PDB file of N, CA and C in Angstrom:
ATOM      1  N   MET A   1     -27.063  33.973  -1.019  1.00  0.00           N
ATOM      2  CA  MET A   1     -25.924  33.503  -0.245  1.00  0.00           C
ATOM      3  C   MET A   1     -25.367  32.248  -0.915  1.00  0.00           C
ATOM      4  N   GLN A   2     -24.072  32.225  -1.107  1.00  0.00           N
ATOM      5  CA  GLN A   2     -23.438  31.100  -1.767  1.00  0.00           C
ATOM      6  C   GLN A   2     -22.543  30.388  -0.746  1.00  0.00           C
ATOM      7  N   THR A   3     -22.702  29.060  -0.640  1.00  0.00           N
ATOM      8  CA  THR A   3     -21.912  28.264   0.294  1.00  0.00           C
ATOM      9  C   THR A   3     -20.895  27.462  -0.495  1.00  0.00           C
ATOM     10  N   GLU A   4     -19.642  27.539  -0.066  1.00  0.00           N
ATOM     11  CA  GLU A   4     -18.593  26.767  -0.738  1.00  0.00           C
ATOM     12  C   GLU A   4     -18.422  25.441  -0.025  1.00  0.00           C
ATOM     13  N   ILE A   5     -18.506  24.365  -0.788  1.00  0.00           N
ATOM     14  CA  ILE A   5     -18.301  23.025  -0.245  1.00  0.00           C
ATOM     15  C   ILE A   5     -16.927  22.558  -0.678  1.00  0.00           C
ATOM     16  N   GLN A   6     -16.122  22.206   0.302  1.00  0.00           N
ATOM     17  CA  GLN A   6     -14.770  21.749   0.002  1.00  0.00           C
ATOM     18  C   GLN A   6     -14.752  20.228  -0.059  1.00  0.00           C
ATOM     19  N   THR A   7     -14.300  19.687  -1.184  1.00  0.00           N
ATOM     20  CA  THR A   7     -14.240  18.244  -1.363  1.00  0.00           C
ATOM     21  C   THR A   7     -12.824  17.754  -1.093  1.00  0.00           C
ATOM     22  N   ALA A   8     -12.688  16.444  -0.997  1.00  0.00           N
ATOM     23  CA  ALA A   8     -11.371  15.849  -0.775  1.00  0.00           C
ATOM     24  C   ALA A   8     -10.416  16.194  -1.903  1.00  0.00           C
ATOM     25  N   GLU A   9     -10.941  16.331  -3.133  1.00  0.00           N
ATOM     26  CA  GLU A   9     -10.092  16.652  -4.276  1.00  0.00           C
ATOM     27  C   GLU A   9      -9.550  18.070  -4.193  1.00  0.00           C
ATOM     28  N   SER A  10     -10.312  18.991  -3.611  1.00  0.00           N
ATOM     29  CA  SER A  10      -9.898  20.385  -3.592  1.00  0.00           C
ATOM     30  C   SER A  10      -9.270  20.805  -2.264  1.00  0.00           C
ATOM     31  N   ALA A  11      -9.383  19.992  -1.243  1.00  0.00           N
ATOM     32  CA  ALA A  11      -8.864  20.357   0.063  1.00  0.00           C
ATOM     33  C   ALA A  11      -7.347  20.244   0.099  1.00  0.00           C
ATOM     34  N   ALA A  12      -6.688  21.328   0.479  1.00  0.00           N
ATOM     35  CA  ALA A  12      -5.236  21.309   0.641  1.00  0.00           C
ATOM     36  C   ALA A  12      -4.918  20.769   2.031  1.00  0.00           C
ATOM     37  N   THR A  13      -4.058  19.782   2.082  1.00  0.00           N
ATOM     38  CA  THR A  13      -3.716  19.161   3.359  1.00  0.00           C
ATOM     39  C   THR A  13      -2.271  19.409   3.770  1.00  0.00           C
ATOM     40  N   GLY A  14      -1.474  19.909   2.843  1.00  0.00           N
ATOM     41  CA  GLY A  14      -0.047  20.045   3.099  1.00  0.00           C
ATOM     42  C   GLY A  14       0.739  18.866   2.572  1.00  0.00           C
ATOM     43  N   ALA A  15       0.078  17.732   2.383  1.00  0.00           N
ATOM     44  CA  ALA A  15       0.750  16.529   1.885  1.00  0.00           C
ATOM     45  C   ALA A  15       1.223  16.718   0.444  1.00  0.00           C
ATOM     46  N   GLU A  16       0.552  17.597  -0.288  1.00  0.00           N
ATOM     47  CA  GLU A  16       0.961  17.807  -1.671  1.00  0.00           C
ATOM     48  C   GLU A  16       2.338  18.473  -1.770  1.00  0.00           C
ATOM     49  N   LEU A  17       2.843  18.997  -0.665  1.00  0.00           N
ATOM     50  CA  LEU A  17       4.160  19.637  -0.646  1.00  0.00           C
ATOM     51  C   LEU A  17       5.286  18.669  -0.283  1.00  0.00           C
ATOM     52  N   ILE A  18       4.940  17.455   0.080  1.00  0.00           N
ATOM     53  CA  ILE A  18       5.935  16.474   0.524  1.00  0.00           C
ATOM     54  C   ILE A  18       6.500  15.721  -0.672  1.00  0.00           C
ATOM     55  N   THR A  19       7.810  15.592  -0.703  1.00  0.00           N
ATOM     56  CA  THR A  19       8.489  14.816  -1.728  1.00  0.00           C
ATOM     57  C   THR A  19       9.234  13.684  -1.040  1.00  0.00           C
ATOM     58  N   TRP A  20       9.003  12.464  -1.491  1.00  0.00           N
ATOM     59  CA  TRP A  20       9.631  11.295  -0.893  1.00  0.00           C
ATOM     60  C   TRP A  20      10.810  10.842  -1.739  1.00  0.00           C
ATOM     61  N   ASP A  21      11.921  10.518  -1.085  1.00  0.00           N
ATOM     62  CA  ASP A  21      13.071   9.921  -1.759  1.00  0.00           C
ATOM     63  C   ASP A  21      13.067   8.442  -1.405  1.00  0.00           C
ATOM     64  N   LEU A  22      12.624   7.617  -2.336  1.00  0.00           N
ATOM     65  CA  LEU A  22      12.527   6.183  -2.100  1.00  0.00           C
ATOM     66  C   LEU A  22      13.673   5.417  -2.753  1.00  0.00           C
ATOM     67  N   SER A  23      14.744   6.118  -3.090  1.00  0.00           N
ATOM     68  CA  SER A  23      15.858   5.475  -3.793  1.00  0.00           C
ATOM     69  C   SER A  23      16.530   4.388  -2.960  1.00  0.00           C
ATOM     70  N   ASP A  24      16.437   4.458  -1.643  1.00  0.00           N
ATOM     71  CA  ASP A  24      16.970   3.374  -0.806  1.00  0.00           C
ATOM     72  C   ASP A  24      16.173   2.089  -0.983  1.00  0.00           C
ATOM     73  N   LEU A  25      14.885   2.229  -1.278  1.00  0.00           N
ATOM     74  CA  LEU A  25      14.018   1.065  -1.444  1.00  0.00           C
ATOM     75  C   LEU A  25      14.042   0.532  -2.865  1.00  0.00           C
ATOM     76  N   HIS A  26      14.153   1.450  -3.829  1.00  0.00           N
ATOM     77  CA  HIS A  26      14.183   1.054  -5.231  1.00  0.00           C
ATOM     78  C   HIS A  26      15.017   2.079  -5.983  1.00  0.00           C
ATOM     79  N   PRO A  27      16.249   1.728  -6.334  1.00  0.00           N
ATOM     80  CA  PRO A  27      17.184   2.711  -6.894  1.00  0.00           C
ATOM     81  C   PRO A  27      16.777   3.296  -8.249  1.00  0.00           C
ATOM     82  N   THR A  28      16.025   2.571  -9.065  1.00  0.00           N
ATOM     83  CA  THR A  28      15.632   3.101 -10.371  1.00  0.00           C
ATOM     84  C   THR A  28      14.149   2.881 -10.608  1.00  0.00           C
ATOM     85  N   ILE A  29      13.567   3.799 -11.352  1.00  0.00           N
ATOM     86  CA  ILE A  29      12.161   3.648 -11.740  1.00  0.00           C
ATOM     87  C   ILE A  29      12.087   3.221 -13.198  1.00  0.00           C
ATOM     88  N   GLY A  30      13.095   3.500 -13.963  1.00  0.00           N
ATOM     89  CA  GLY A  30      13.097   3.200 -15.383  1.00  0.00           C
ATOM     90  C   GLY A  30      13.361   1.738 -15.683  1.00  0.00           C
ATOM     91  N   GLU A  31      13.447   1.461 -16.958  1.00  0.00           N
ATOM     92  CA  GLU A  31      13.821   0.150 -17.478  1.00  0.00           C
ATOM     93  C   GLU A  31      12.840  -0.970 -17.133  1.00  0.00           C
ATOM     94  N   GLY A  32      11.629  -0.638 -16.733  1.00  0.00           N
ATOM     95  CA  GLY A  32      10.614  -1.648 -16.493  1.00  0.00           C
ATOM     96  C   GLY A  32      10.755  -2.416 -15.187  1.00  0.00           C
ATOM     97  N   GLN A  33      11.875  -2.268 -14.508  1.00  0.00           N
ATOM     98  CA  GLN A  33      12.085  -3.025 -13.275  1.00  0.00           C
ATOM     99  C   GLN A  33      11.114  -2.602 -12.177  1.00  0.00           C
ATOM    100  N   PHE A  34      10.870  -1.308 -12.055  1.00  0.00           N
ATOM    101  CA  PHE A  34       9.936  -0.826 -11.046  1.00  0.00           C
ATOM    102  C   PHE A  34       8.545  -1.400 -11.294  1.00  0.00           C
ATOM    103  N   SER A  35       8.101  -1.355 -12.542  1.00  0.00           N
ATOM    104  CA  SER A  35       6.770  -1.883 -12.890  1.00  0.00           C
ATOM    105  C   SER A  35       6.671  -3.367 -12.587  1.00  0.00           C
ATOM    106  N   ALA A  36       7.721  -4.125 -12.899  1.00  0.00           N
ATOM    107  CA  ALA A  36       7.720  -5.566 -12.635  1.00  0.00           C
ATOM    108  C   ALA A  36       7.682  -5.827 -11.134  1.00  0.00           C
ATOM    109  N   ASP A  37       8.469  -5.073 -10.372  1.00  0.00           N
ATOM    110  CA  ASP A  37       8.475  -5.240  -8.911  1.00  0.00           C
ATOM    111  C   ASP A  37       7.125  -4.856  -8.312  1.00  0.00           C
ATOM    112  N   PHE A  38       6.532  -3.760  -8.817  1.00  0.00           N
ATOM    113  CA  PHE A  38       5.237  -3.323  -8.316  1.00  0.00           C
ATOM    114  C   PHE A  38       4.167  -4.375  -8.582  1.00  0.00           C
ATOM    115  N   GLU A  39       4.185  -4.965  -9.759  1.00  0.00           N
ATOM    116  CA  GLU A  39       3.214  -6.015 -10.091  1.00  0.00           C
ATOM    117  C   GLU A  39       3.404  -7.236  -9.191  1.00  0.00           C
ATOM    118  N   ARG A  40       4.656  -7.624  -8.958  1.00  0.00           N
ATOM    119  CA  ARG A  40       4.930  -8.774  -8.092  1.00  0.00           C
ATOM    120  C   ARG A  40       4.446  -8.509  -6.664  1.00  0.00           C
ATOM    121  N   ILE A  41       4.736  -7.317  -6.160  1.00  0.00           N
ATOM    122  CA  ILE A  41       4.329  -6.968  -4.793  1.00  0.00           C
ATOM    123  C   ILE A  41       2.810  -6.910  -4.689  1.00  0.00           C
ATOM    124  N   THR A  42       2.154  -6.371  -5.700  1.00  0.00           N
ATOM    125  CA  THR A  42       0.691  -6.313  -5.709  1.00  0.00           C
ATOM    126  C   THR A  42       0.093  -7.715  -5.707  1.00  0.00           C
ATOM    127  N   ASN A  43       0.651  -8.592  -6.509  1.00  0.00           N
ATOM    128  CA  ASN A  43       0.175  -9.982  -6.542  1.00  0.00           C
ATOM    129  C   ASN A  43       0.407 -10.670  -5.204  1.00  0.00           C
ATOM    130  N   ASP A  44       1.578 -10.447  -4.602  1.00  0.00           N
ATOM    131  CA  ASP A  44       1.864 -11.026  -3.285  1.00  0.00           C
ATOM    132  C   ASP A  44       0.872 -10.528  -2.233  1.00  0.00           C
ATOM    133  N   ALA A  45       0.553  -9.237  -2.272  1.00  0.00           N
ATOM    134  CA  ALA A  45      -0.402  -8.665  -1.308  1.00  0.00           C
ATOM    135  C   ALA A  45      -1.796  -9.242  -1.516  1.00  0.00           C
ATOM    136  N   ASP A  46      -2.205  -9.412  -2.767  1.00  0.00           N
ATOM    137  CA  ASP A  46      -3.515 -10.006  -3.059  1.00  0.00           C
ATOM    138  C   ASP A  46      -3.588 -11.450  -2.561  1.00  0.00           C
ATOM    139  N   THR A  47      -2.526 -12.215  -2.788  1.00  0.00           N
ATOM    140  CA  THR A  47      -2.475 -13.605  -2.325  1.00  0.00           C
ATOM    141  C   THR A  47      -2.536 -13.662  -0.802  1.00  0.00           C
ATOM    142  N   PHE A  48      -1.785 -12.786  -0.150  1.00  0.00           N
ATOM    143  CA  PHE A  48      -1.795 -12.713   1.313  1.00  0.00           C
ATOM    144  C   PHE A  48      -3.207 -12.407   1.820  1.00  0.00           C
ATOM    145  N   ALA A  49      -3.849 -11.431   1.216  1.00  0.00           N
ATOM    146  CA  ALA A  49      -5.201 -11.050   1.635  1.00  0.00           C
ATOM    147  C   ALA A  49      -6.192 -12.191   1.444  1.00  0.00           C
ATOM    148  N   GLN A  50      -6.100 -12.883   0.322  1.00  0.00           N
ATOM    149  CA  GLN A  50      -7.006 -14.006   0.076  1.00  0.00           C
ATOM    150  C   GLN A  50      -6.793 -15.128   1.091  1.00  0.00           C
ATOM    151  N   SER A  51      -5.557 -15.313   1.512  1.00  0.00           N
ATOM    152  CA  SER A  51      -5.250 -16.391   2.451  1.00  0.00           C
ATOM    153  C   SER A  51      -5.676 -16.079   3.875  1.00  0.00           C
ATOM    154  N   TRP A  52      -5.583 -14.804   4.284  1.00  0.00           N
ATOM    155  CA  TRP A  52      -5.722 -14.491   5.703  1.00  0.00           C
ATOM    156  C   TRP A  52      -6.894 -13.577   6.064  1.00  0.00           C
ATOM    157  N   ARG A  53      -7.514 -12.906   5.106  1.00  0.00           N
ATOM    158  CA  ARG A  53      -8.594 -11.970   5.414  1.00  0.00           C
ATOM    159  C   ARG A  53      -9.722 -12.685   6.151  1.00  0.00           C
ATOM    160  N   GLY A  54     -10.147 -12.080   7.245  1.00  0.00           N
ATOM    161  CA  GLY A  54     -11.260 -12.600   8.018  1.00  0.00           C
ATOM    162  C   GLY A  54     -10.906 -13.732   8.968  1.00  0.00           C
ATOM    163  N   ARG A  55      -9.635 -14.082   9.046  1.00  0.00           N
ATOM    164  CA  ARG A  55      -9.227 -15.220   9.870  1.00  0.00           C
ATOM    165  C   ARG A  55      -8.408 -14.827  11.091  1.00  0.00           C
ATOM    166  N   LEU A  56      -7.987 -13.591  11.199  1.00  0.00           N
ATOM    167  CA  LEU A  56      -7.048 -13.169  12.236  1.00  0.00           C
ATOM    168  C   LEU A  56      -7.509 -13.545  13.651  1.00  0.00           C
ATOM    169  N   ALA A  57      -8.762 -13.330  13.946  1.00  0.00           N
ATOM    170  CA  ALA A  57      -9.275 -13.581  15.298  1.00  0.00           C
ATOM    171  C   ALA A  57      -9.307 -15.061  15.659  1.00  0.00           C
ATOM    172  N   THR A  58      -9.256 -15.933  14.655  1.00  0.00           N
ATOM    173  CA  THR A  58      -9.394 -17.367  14.936  1.00  0.00           C
ATOM    174  C   THR A  58      -8.109 -18.157  14.718  1.00  0.00           C
ATOM    175  N   LEU A  59      -6.995 -17.473  14.419  1.00  0.00           N
ATOM    176  CA  LEU A  59      -5.745 -18.185  14.146  1.00  0.00           C
ATOM    177  C   LEU A  59      -5.143 -18.789  15.402  1.00  0.00           C
ATOM    178  N   SER A  60      -4.603 -19.980  15.248  1.00  0.00           N
ATOM    179  CA  SER A  60      -3.826 -20.581  16.332  1.00  0.00           C
ATOM    180  C   SER A  60      -2.469 -19.882  16.363  1.00  0.00           C
ATOM    181  N   ASP A  61      -1.683 -20.151  17.388  1.00  0.00           N
ATOM    182  CA  ASP A  61      -0.343 -19.568  17.494  1.00  0.00           C
ATOM    183  C   ASP A  61       0.509 -19.935  16.279  1.00  0.00           C
ATOM    184  N   ASP A  62       0.458 -21.197  15.880  1.00  0.00           N
ATOM    185  CA  ASP A  62       1.252 -21.652  14.736  1.00  0.00           C
ATOM    186  C   ASP A  62       0.791 -20.997  13.433  1.00  0.00           C
ATOM    187  N   GLU A  63      -0.515 -20.850  13.264  1.00  0.00           N
ATOM    188  CA  GLU A  63      -1.035 -20.204  12.060  1.00  0.00           C
ATOM    189  C   GLU A  63      -0.646 -18.721  12.018  1.00  0.00           C
ATOM    190  N   PHE A  64      -0.696 -18.074  13.181  1.00  0.00           N
ATOM    191  CA  PHE A  64      -0.315 -16.667  13.242  1.00  0.00           C
ATOM    192  C   PHE A  64       1.160 -16.490  12.882  1.00  0.00           C
ATOM    193  N   LEU A  65       2.014 -17.366  13.409  1.00  0.00           N
ATOM    194  CA  LEU A  65       3.427 -17.322  13.082  1.00  0.00           C
ATOM    195  C   LEU A  65       3.638 -17.567  11.587  1.00  0.00           C
ATOM    196  N   SER A  66       2.925 -18.486  11.019  1.00  0.00           N
ATOM    197  CA  SER A  66       3.013 -18.779   9.597  1.00  0.00           C
ATOM    198  C   SER A  66       2.597 -17.543   8.770  1.00  0.00           C
ATOM    199  N   MET A  67       1.578 -16.857   9.211  1.00  0.00           N
ATOM    200  CA  MET A  67       1.113 -15.664   8.517  1.00  0.00           C
ATOM    201  C   MET A  67       2.219 -14.593   8.518  1.00  0.00           C
ATOM    202  N   LEU A  68       2.889 -14.422   9.629  1.00  0.00           N
ATOM    203  CA  LEU A  68       3.931 -13.411   9.739  1.00  0.00           C
ATOM    204  C   LEU A  68       5.170 -13.722   8.917  1.00  0.00           C
ATOM    205  N   GLN A  69       5.420 -15.002   8.714  1.00  0.00           N
ATOM    206  CA  GLN A  69       6.609 -15.395   7.946  1.00  0.00           C
ATOM    207  C   GLN A  69       6.330 -15.272   6.500  1.00  0.00           C
TER     208      GLN A  69
END
């Protein structure tokens, strides 16, 4: 008897059929601009995480507002 194990890599979810049009968010992917924007956003997210990770439950009202801005 042979049992087939389905992994996350082989499992079809239907998501592979979805195509996203992100041109409203970023009109071009070429010319290096997308890569530069992606790097900037990644760096901003890393900085945000380093500043606020693990602190959410202890933030004052002013600190929480500062985090959101």
